[in-house]
């Protein structure tokens, strides 16, 4: 089975929490990795997401945590709403 990883950066303007992460996280940029596997048996190339990971830096240590992509999108929407209220 062929796997691929897509990496993207998300930004939070305010502190946030996510299921799978301990405590409140600081605002800033975070690397997100979406692991996808190829769906076989189709007449076209298609992938399905099998994992979403967030990279958290604490001091000199970097850790990856498995998170739910819908929880991440909700946290980003909440952050945008808070940022819009502040302007």
PDB file of N, CA and C in Angstrom:
ATOM      1  N   UNK A   1       0.854  -1.175   0.000  1.00  0.00           N
ATOM      2  CA  UNK A   1       0.000   0.000   0.000  1.00  0.00           C
ATOM      3  C   UNK A   1       0.902   1.242   0.000  1.00  0.00           C
ATOM      4  N   UNK A   2       0.628   2.142  -0.897  1.00  0.00           N
ATOM      5  CA  UNK A   2       1.408   3.366  -1.009  1.00  0.00           C
ATOM      6  C   UNK A   2       0.881   4.401  -0.018  1.00  0.00           C
ATOM      7  N   UNK A   3       1.794   5.000   0.742  1.00  0.00           N
ATOM      8  CA  UNK A   3       1.443   6.045   1.720  1.00  0.00           C
ATOM      9  C   UNK A   3       2.129   7.338   1.317  1.00  0.00           C
ATOM     10  N   UNK A   4       1.510   8.457   1.677  1.00  0.00           N
ATOM     11  CA  UNK A   4       2.142   9.762   1.497  1.00  0.00           C
ATOM     12  C   UNK A   4       1.801  10.629   2.698  1.00  0.00           C
ATOM     13  N   UNK A   5       2.650  11.625   2.920  1.00  0.00           N
ATOM     14  CA  UNK A   5       2.431  12.572   4.012  1.00  0.00           C
ATOM     15  C   UNK A   5       2.406  13.975   3.437  1.00  0.00           C
ATOM     16  N   UNK A   6       1.349  14.697   3.749  1.00  0.00           N
ATOM     17  CA  UNK A   6       1.230  16.101   3.359  1.00  0.00           C
ATOM     18  C   UNK A   6       1.480  16.939   4.609  1.00  0.00           C
ATOM     19  N   UNK A   7       2.312  17.960   4.471  1.00  0.00           N
ATOM     20  CA  UNK A   7       2.628  18.834   5.599  1.00  0.00           C
ATOM     21  C   UNK A   7       2.095  20.227   5.315  1.00  0.00           C
ATOM     22  N   UNK A   8       1.517  20.838   6.344  1.00  0.00           N
ATOM     23  CA  UNK A   8       1.011  22.207   6.224  1.00  0.00           C
ATOM     24  C   UNK A   8       1.244  22.923   7.541  1.00  0.00           C
ATOM     25  N   UNK A   9       1.182  24.228   7.500  1.00  0.00           N
ATOM     26  CA  UNK A   9       1.345  25.044   8.699  1.00  0.00           C
ATOM     27  C   UNK A   9       0.023  25.719   9.010  1.00  0.00           C
ATOM     28  N   UNK A  10      -0.376  25.664  10.273  1.00  0.00           N
ATOM     29  CA  UNK A  10      -1.556  26.400  10.730  1.00  0.00           C
ATOM     30  C   UNK A  10      -1.101  27.431  11.759  1.00  0.00           C
ATOM     31  N   UNK A  11      -1.874  28.481  11.909  1.00  0.00           N
ATOM     32  CA  UNK A  11      -1.513  29.549  12.838  1.00  0.00           C
ATOM     33  C   UNK A  11      -2.667  29.804  13.803  1.00  0.00           C
ATOM     34  N   UNK A  12      -2.323  29.954  15.067  1.00  0.00           N
ATOM     35  CA  UNK A  12      -3.275  30.330  16.109  1.00  0.00           C
ATOM     36  C   UNK A  12      -2.861  31.678  16.668  1.00  0.00           C
ATOM     37  N   UNK A  13      -3.815  32.602  16.754  1.00  0.00           N
ATOM     38  CA  UNK A  13      -3.558  33.919  17.347  1.00  0.00           C
ATOM     39  C   UNK A  13      -3.743  33.919  18.855  1.00  0.00           C
ATOM     40  N   UNK A  14      -4.472  32.946  19.362  1.00  0.00           N
ATOM     41  CA  UNK A  14      -4.778  32.868  20.797  1.00  0.00           C
ATOM     42  C   UNK A  14      -4.425  31.475  21.317  1.00  0.00           C
ATOM     43  N   UNK A  15      -4.267  31.331  22.629  1.00  0.00           N
ATOM     44  CA  UNK A  15      -4.054  30.000  23.199  1.00  0.00           C
ATOM     45  C   UNK A  15      -5.219  29.081  22.828  1.00  0.00           C
ATOM     46  N   UNK A  16      -4.947  27.791  22.725  1.00  0.00           N
ATOM     47  CA  UNK A  16      -5.981  26.850  22.293  1.00  0.00           C
ATOM     48  C   UNK A  16      -5.771  25.502  22.978  1.00  0.00           C
ATOM     49  N   UNK A  17      -6.821  24.689  22.944  1.00  0.00           N
ATOM     50  CA  UNK A  17      -6.748  23.322  23.452  1.00  0.00           C
ATOM     51  C   UNK A  17      -7.248  22.381  22.361  1.00  0.00           C
ATOM     52  N   UNK A  18      -6.730  21.163  22.379  1.00  0.00           N
ATOM     53  CA  UNK A  18      -7.156  20.112  21.463  1.00  0.00           C
ATOM     54  C   UNK A  18      -7.186  18.795  22.220  1.00  0.00           C
ATOM     55  N   UNK A  19      -8.160  17.953  21.905  1.00  0.00           N
ATOM     56  CA  UNK A  19      -8.163  16.607  22.456  1.00  0.00           C
ATOM     57  C   UNK A  19      -6.891  15.923  21.971  1.00  0.00           C
ATOM     58  N   UNK A  20      -6.226  15.229  22.852  1.00  0.00           N
ATOM     59  CA  UNK A  20      -4.985  14.561  22.500  1.00  0.00           C
ATOM     60  C   UNK A  20      -3.754  15.342  22.924  1.00  0.00           C
ATOM     61  N   UNK A  21      -3.940  16.610  23.295  1.00  0.00           N
ATOM     62  CA  UNK A  21      -2.844  17.442  23.795  1.00  0.00           C
ATOM     63  C   UNK A  21      -3.123  17.793  25.241  1.00  0.00           C
ATOM     64  N   UNK A  22      -2.095  17.765  26.043  1.00  0.00           N
ATOM     65  CA  UNK A  22      -2.251  18.063  27.455  1.00  0.00           C
ATOM     66  C   UNK A  22      -2.180  19.569  27.680  1.00  0.00           C
ATOM     67  N   UNK A  23      -3.206  20.122  28.287  1.00  0.00           N
ATOM     68  CA  UNK A  23      -3.210  21.531  28.655  1.00  0.00           C
ATOM     69  C   UNK A  23      -3.428  22.468  27.477  1.00  0.00           C
ATOM     70  N   UNK A  24      -3.286  23.749  27.789  1.00  0.00           N
ATOM     71  CA  UNK A  24      -3.477  24.801  26.803  1.00  0.00           C
ATOM     72  C   UNK A  24      -2.174  25.027  26.035  1.00  0.00           C
ATOM     73  N   UNK A  25      -2.289  25.194  24.725  1.00  0.00           N
ATOM     74  CA  UNK A  25      -1.126  25.419  23.874  1.00  0.00           C
ATOM     75  C   UNK A  25      -0.976  26.907  23.584  1.00  0.00           C
ATOM     76  N   UNK A  26       0.244  27.326  23.368  1.00  0.00           N
ATOM     77  CA  UNK A  26       0.548  28.734  23.113  1.00  0.00           C
ATOM     78  C   UNK A  26       0.167  29.116  21.685  1.00  0.00           C
ATOM     79  N   UNK A  27      -0.165  30.397  21.457  1.00  0.00           N
ATOM     80  CA  UNK A  27      -0.417  30.850  20.093  1.00  0.00           C
ATOM     81  C   UNK A  27       0.844  30.701  19.248  1.00  0.00           C
ATOM     82  N   UNK A  28       0.666  30.651  17.941  1.00  0.00           N
ATOM     83  CA  UNK A  28       1.808  30.564  17.039  1.00  0.00           C
ATOM     84  C   UNK A  28       1.545  29.626  15.887  1.00  0.00           C
ATOM     85  N   UNK A  29       2.620  29.288  15.175  1.00  0.00           N
ATOM     86  CA  UNK A  29       2.545  28.399  14.025  1.00  0.00           C
ATOM     87  C   UNK A  29       2.803  26.960  14.447  1.00  0.00           C
ATOM     88  N   UNK A  30       2.043  26.044  13.866  1.00  0.00           N
ATOM     89  CA  UNK A  30       2.170  24.620  14.154  1.00  0.00           C
ATOM     90  C   UNK A  30       2.184  23.844  12.847  1.00  0.00           C
ATOM     91  N   UNK A  31       3.089  22.876  12.762  1.00  0.00           N
ATOM     92  CA  UNK A  31       3.157  21.983  11.606  1.00  0.00           C
ATOM     93  C   UNK A  31       2.143  20.855  11.794  1.00  0.00           C
ATOM     94  N   UNK A  32       1.383  20.604  10.733  1.00  0.00           N
ATOM     95  CA  UNK A  32       0.391  19.537  10.725  1.00  0.00           C
ATOM     96  C   UNK A  32       0.797  18.539   9.649  1.00  0.00           C
ATOM     97  N   UNK A  33       0.772  17.264   9.986  1.00  0.00           N
ATOM     98  CA  UNK A  33       1.065  16.216   9.024  1.00  0.00           C
ATOM     99  C   UNK A  33      -0.185  15.368   8.815  1.00  0.00           C
ATOM    100  N   UNK A  34      -0.606  15.257   7.572  1.00  0.00           N
ATOM    101  CA  UNK A  34      -1.729  14.392   7.210  1.00  0.00           C
ATOM    102  C   UNK A  34      -1.165  13.183   6.485  1.00  0.00           C
ATOM    103  N   UNK A  35      -1.285  12.004   7.098  1.00  0.00           N
ATOM    104  CA  UNK A  35      -0.849  10.763   6.477  1.00  0.00           C
ATOM    105  C   UNK A  35      -2.021  10.185   5.693  1.00  0.00           C
ATOM    106  N   UNK A  36      -1.756   9.849   4.438  1.00  0.00           N
ATOM    107  CA  UNK A  36      -2.801   9.325   3.563  1.00  0.00           C
ATOM    108  C   UNK A  36      -2.332   8.027   2.920  1.00  0.00           C
ATOM    109  N   UNK A  37      -3.271   7.110   2.699  1.00  0.00           N
ATOM    110  CA  UNK A  37      -2.959   5.879   1.996  1.00  0.00           C
ATOM    111  C   UNK A  37      -3.722   5.856   0.682  1.00  0.00           C
ATOM    112  N   UNK A  38      -3.096   5.261  -0.297  1.00  0.00           N
ATOM    113  CA  UNK A  38      -3.718   5.160  -1.610  1.00  0.00           C
ATOM    114  C   UNK A  38      -4.857   4.150  -1.559  1.00  0.00           C
ATOM    115  N   UNK A  39      -5.963   4.502  -2.189  1.00  0.00           N
ATOM    116  CA  UNK A  39      -7.100   3.592  -2.298  1.00  0.00           C
ATOM    117  C   UNK A  39      -6.893   2.772  -3.566  1.00  0.00           C
ATOM    118  N   UNK A  40      -6.800   1.484  -3.412  1.00  0.00           N
ATOM    119  CA  UNK A  40      -6.564   0.622  -4.568  1.00  0.00           C
ATOM    120  C   UNK A  40      -7.892   0.120  -5.140  1.00  0.00           C
ATOM    121  N   UNK A  41      -7.831  -0.313  -6.387  1.00  0.00           N
ATOM    122  CA  UNK A  41      -9.013  -0.881  -7.020  1.00  0.00           C
ATOM    123  C   UNK A  41      -9.872   0.123  -7.751  1.00  0.00           C
ATOM    124  N   UNK A  42      -9.457   1.379  -7.778  1.00  0.00           N
ATOM    125  CA  UNK A  42     -10.206   2.407  -8.497  1.00  0.00           C
ATOM    126  C   UNK A  42      -9.538   2.663  -9.842  1.00  0.00           C
ATOM    127  N   UNK A  43     -10.289   3.213 -10.779  1.00  0.00           N
ATOM    128  CA  UNK A  43      -9.715   3.521 -12.085  1.00  0.00           C
ATOM    129  C   UNK A  43      -9.030   4.891 -12.092  1.00  0.00           C
ATOM    130  N   UNK A  44      -9.004   5.572 -10.953  1.00  0.00           N
ATOM    131  CA  UNK A  44      -8.320   6.852 -10.817  1.00  0.00           C
ATOM    132  C   UNK A  44      -7.518   6.838  -9.519  1.00  0.00           C
ATOM    133  N   UNK A  45      -6.587   7.752  -9.420  1.00  0.00           N
ATOM    134  CA  UNK A  45      -5.732   7.836  -8.234  1.00  0.00           C
ATOM    135  C   UNK A  45      -6.473   8.564  -7.116  1.00  0.00           C
ATOM    136  N   UNK A  46      -6.611   7.914  -5.970  1.00  0.00           N
ATOM    137  CA  UNK A  46      -7.315   8.517  -4.841  1.00  0.00           C
ATOM    138  C   UNK A  46      -6.633   8.102  -3.541  1.00  0.00           C
ATOM    139  N   UNK A  47      -6.754   8.975  -2.540  1.00  0.00           N
ATOM    140  CA  UNK A  47      -6.161   8.734  -1.227  1.00  0.00           C
ATOM    141  C   UNK A  47      -7.203   8.974  -0.149  1.00  0.00           C
ATOM    142  N   UNK A  48      -6.988   8.340   1.000  1.00  0.00           N
ATOM    143  CA  UNK A  48      -7.820   8.612   2.180  1.00  0.00           C
ATOM    144  C   UNK A  48      -6.882   8.922   3.345  1.00  0.00           C
ATOM    145  N   UNK A  49      -7.304   9.900   4.155  1.00  0.00           N
ATOM    146  CA  UNK A  49      -6.495  10.281   5.318  1.00  0.00           C
ATOM    147  C   UNK A  49      -6.623   9.199   6.377  1.00  0.00           C
ATOM    148  N   UNK A  50      -5.481   8.785   6.914  1.00  0.00           N
ATOM    149  CA  UNK A  50      -5.483   7.751   7.955  1.00  0.00           C
ATOM    150  C   UNK A  50      -4.982   8.292   9.289  1.00  0.00           C
ATOM    151  N   UNK A  51      -4.337   9.468   9.281  1.00  0.00           N
ATOM    152  CA  UNK A  51      -3.859  10.060  10.535  1.00  0.00           C
ATOM    153  C   UNK A  51      -3.579  11.544  10.325  1.00  0.00           C
ATOM    154  N   UNK A  52      -3.809  12.317  11.373  1.00  0.00           N
ATOM    155  CA  UNK A  52      -3.443  13.731  11.402  1.00  0.00           C
ATOM    156  C   UNK A  52      -2.631  13.951  12.667  1.00  0.00           C
ATOM    157  N   UNK A  53      -1.447  14.535  12.496  1.00  0.00           N
ATOM    158  CA  UNK A  53      -0.525  14.753  13.610  1.00  0.00           C
ATOM    159  C   UNK A  53      -0.178  16.227  13.707  1.00  0.00           C
ATOM    160  N   UNK A  54      -0.006  16.705  14.937  1.00  0.00           N
ATOM    161  CA  UNK A  54       0.440  18.074  15.171  1.00  0.00           C
ATOM    162  C   UNK A  54       1.802  18.016  15.850  1.00  0.00           C
ATOM    163  N   UNK A  55       2.688  18.889  15.416  1.00  0.00           N
ATOM    164  CA  UNK A  55       4.038  18.960  15.981  1.00  0.00           C
ATOM    165  C   UNK A  55       4.053  20.046  17.057  1.00  0.00           C
ATOM    166  N   UNK A  56       4.404  19.652  18.266  1.00  0.00           N
ATOM    167  CA  UNK A  56       4.443  20.572  19.401  1.00  0.00           C
ATOM    168  C   UNK A  56       5.877  20.651  19.914  1.00  0.00           C
ATOM    169  N   UNK A  57       6.372  21.884  20.019  1.00  0.00           N
ATOM    170  CA  UNK A  57       7.728  22.108  20.514  1.00  0.00           C
ATOM    171  C   UNK A  57       7.628  22.592  21.956  1.00  0.00           C
ATOM    172  N   UNK A  58       8.325  21.895  22.850  1.00  0.00           N
ATOM    173  CA  UNK A  58       8.378  22.276  24.260  1.00  0.00           C
ATOM    174  C   UNK A  58       9.853  22.366  24.642  1.00  0.00           C
ATOM    175  N   UNK A  59      10.348  23.578  24.742  1.00  0.00           N
ATOM    176  CA  UNK A  59      11.777  23.756  25.002  1.00  0.00           C
ATOM    177  C   UNK A  59      12.570  23.306  23.797  1.00  0.00           C
ATOM    178  N   UNK A  60      13.468  22.337  23.994  1.00  0.00           N
ATOM    179  CA  UNK A  60      14.256  21.801  22.884  1.00  0.00           C
ATOM    180  C   UNK A  60      13.686  20.501  22.339  1.00  0.00           C
ATOM    181  N   UNK A  61      12.555  20.062  22.905  1.00  0.00           N
ATOM    182  CA  UNK A  61      11.963  18.787  22.517  1.00  0.00           C
ATOM    183  C   UNK A  61      10.766  19.010  21.582  1.00  0.00           C
ATOM    184  N   UNK A  62      10.748  18.261  20.499  1.00  0.00           N
ATOM    185  CA  UNK A  62       9.635  18.299  19.550  1.00  0.00           C
ATOM    186  C   UNK A  62       8.916  16.958  19.605  1.00  0.00           C
ATOM    187  N   UNK A  63       7.589  17.016  19.716  1.00  0.00           N
ATOM    188  CA  UNK A  63       6.788  15.789  19.785  1.00  0.00           C
ATOM    189  C   UNK A  63       5.650  15.866  18.784  1.00  0.00           C
ATOM    190  N   UNK A  64       5.242  14.706  18.275  1.00  0.00           N
ATOM    191  CA  UNK A  64       4.088  14.600  17.393  1.00  0.00           C
ATOM    192  C   UNK A  64       2.945  13.963  18.159  1.00  0.00           C
ATOM    193  N   UNK A  65       1.755  14.539  18.015  1.00  0.00           N
ATOM    194  CA  UNK A  65       0.570  14.029  18.693  1.00  0.00           C
ATOM    195  C   UNK A  65      -0.525  13.761  17.672  1.00  0.00           C
ATOM    196  N   UNK A  66      -1.174  12.614  17.797  1.00  0.00           N
ATOM    197  CA  UNK A  66      -2.287  12.244  16.931  1.00  0.00           C
ATOM    198  C   UNK A  66      -3.509  13.048  17.364  1.00  0.00           C
ATOM    199  N   UNK A  67      -4.136  13.739  16.413  1.00  0.00           N
ATOM    200  CA  UNK A  67      -5.319  14.543  16.723  1.00  0.00           C
ATOM    201  C   UNK A  67      -6.421  14.233  15.717  1.00  0.00           C
ATOM    202  N   UNK A  68      -7.623  14.606  16.073  1.00  0.00           N
ATOM    203  CA  UNK A  68      -8.769  14.454  15.174  1.00  0.00           C
ATOM    204  C   UNK A  68      -8.808  15.681  14.260  1.00  0.00           C
ATOM    205  N   UNK A  69      -8.829  15.494  12.942  1.00  0.00           N
ATOM    206  CA  UNK A  69      -8.826  16.650  12.036  1.00  0.00           C
ATOM    207  C   UNK A  69     -10.026  17.581  12.226  1.00  0.00           C
ATOM    208  N   UNK A  70     -11.174  17.030  12.603  1.00  0.00           N
ATOM    209  CA  UNK A  70     -12.338  17.893  12.820  1.00  0.00           C
ATOM    210  C   UNK A  70     -12.160  18.749  14.082  1.00  0.00           C
ATOM    211  N   UNK A  71     -11.486  18.220  15.107  1.00  0.00           N
ATOM    212  CA  UNK A  71     -11.182  19.017  16.294  1.00  0.00           C
ATOM    213  C   UNK A  71     -10.233  20.159  15.939  1.00  0.00           C
ATOM    214  N   UNK A  72      -9.266  19.882  15.076  1.00  0.00           N
ATOM    215  CA  UNK A  72      -8.337  20.926  14.633  1.00  0.00           C
ATOM    216  C   UNK A  72      -9.088  22.023  13.885  1.00  0.00           C
ATOM    217  N   UNK A  73      -9.960  21.647  12.966  1.00  0.00           N
ATOM    218  CA  UNK A  73     -10.715  22.650  12.205  1.00  0.00           C
ATOM    219  C   UNK A  73     -11.606  23.486  13.126  1.00  0.00           C
ATOM    220  N   UNK A  74     -12.219  22.850  14.115  1.00  0.00           N
ATOM    221  CA  UNK A  74     -13.046  23.586  15.080  1.00  0.00           C
ATOM    222  C   UNK A  74     -12.198  24.580  15.871  1.00  0.00           C
ATOM    223  N   UNK A  75     -11.016  24.158  16.316  1.00  0.00           N
ATOM    224  CA  UNK A  75     -10.121  25.047  17.060  1.00  0.00           C
ATOM    225  C   UNK A  75      -9.675  26.228  16.196  1.00  0.00           C
ATOM    226  N   UNK A  76      -9.386  25.974  14.922  1.00  0.00           N
ATOM    227  CA  UNK A  76      -8.987  27.055  14.017  1.00  0.00           C
ATOM    228  C   UNK A  76     -10.142  28.021  13.766  1.00  0.00           C
ATOM    229  N   UNK A  77     -11.366  27.507  13.617  1.00  0.00           N
ATOM    230  CA  UNK A  77     -12.539  28.369  13.433  1.00  0.00           C
ATOM    231  C   UNK A  77     -12.765  29.232  14.674  1.00  0.00           C
ATOM    232  N   UNK A  78     -12.631  28.634  15.856  1.00  0.00           N
ATOM    233  CA  UNK A  78     -12.783  29.392  17.104  1.00  0.00           C
ATOM    234  C   UNK A  78     -11.726  30.484  17.200  1.00  0.00           C
ATOM    235  N   UNK A  79     -10.501  30.165  16.799  1.00  0.00           N
ATOM    236  CA  UNK A  79      -9.413  31.142  16.832  1.00  0.00           C
ATOM    237  C   UNK A  79      -9.700  32.303  15.880  1.00  0.00           C
ATOM    238  N   UNK A  80     -10.183  31.998  14.683  1.00  0.00           N
ATOM    239  CA  UNK A  80     -10.521  33.061  13.723  1.00  0.00           C
ATOM    240  C   UNK A  80     -11.642  33.941  14.263  1.00  0.00           C
ATOM    241  N   UNK A  81     -12.636  33.324  14.911  1.00  0.00           N
ATOM    242  CA  UNK A  81     -13.743  34.086  15.475  1.00  0.00           C
ATOM    243  C   UNK A  81     -13.245  35.010  16.577  1.00  0.00           C
ATOM    244  N   UNK A  82     -12.350  34.517  17.440  1.00  0.00           N
ATOM    245  CA  UNK A  82     -11.787  35.358  18.496  1.00  0.00           C
ATOM    246  C   UNK A  82     -10.964  36.499  17.909  1.00  0.00           C
ATOM    247  N   UNK A  83     -10.202  36.215  16.866  1.00  0.00           N
ATOM    248  CA  UNK A  83      -9.388  37.236  16.224  1.00  0.00           C
ATOM    249  C   UNK A  83     -10.257  38.309  15.579  1.00  0.00           C
ATOM    250  N   UNK A  84     -11.375  37.894  14.974  1.00  0.00           N
ATOM    251  CA  UNK A  84     -12.278  38.843  14.335  1.00  0.00           C
ATOM    252  C   UNK A  84     -12.927  39.762  15.359  1.00  0.00           C
ATOM    253  N   UNK A  85     -13.259  39.239  16.540  1.00  0.00           N
ATOM    254  CA  UNK A  85     -13.842  40.058  17.602  1.00  0.00           C
ATOM    255  C   UNK A  85     -12.857  41.084  18.127  1.00  0.00           C
ATOM    256  N   UNK A  86     -11.567  40.718  18.116  1.00  0.00           N
ATOM    257  CA  UNK A  86     -10.537  41.609  18.633  1.00  0.00           C
ATOM    258  C   UNK A  86     -10.225  42.767  17.726  1.00  0.00           C
ATOM    259  N   UNK A  87     -10.621  42.667  16.444  1.00  0.00           N
ATOM    260  CA  UNK A  87     -10.336  43.754  15.482  1.00  0.00           C
ATOM    261  C   UNK A  87     -11.417  44.770  15.433  1.00  0.00           C
TER     262      UNK A  87
END
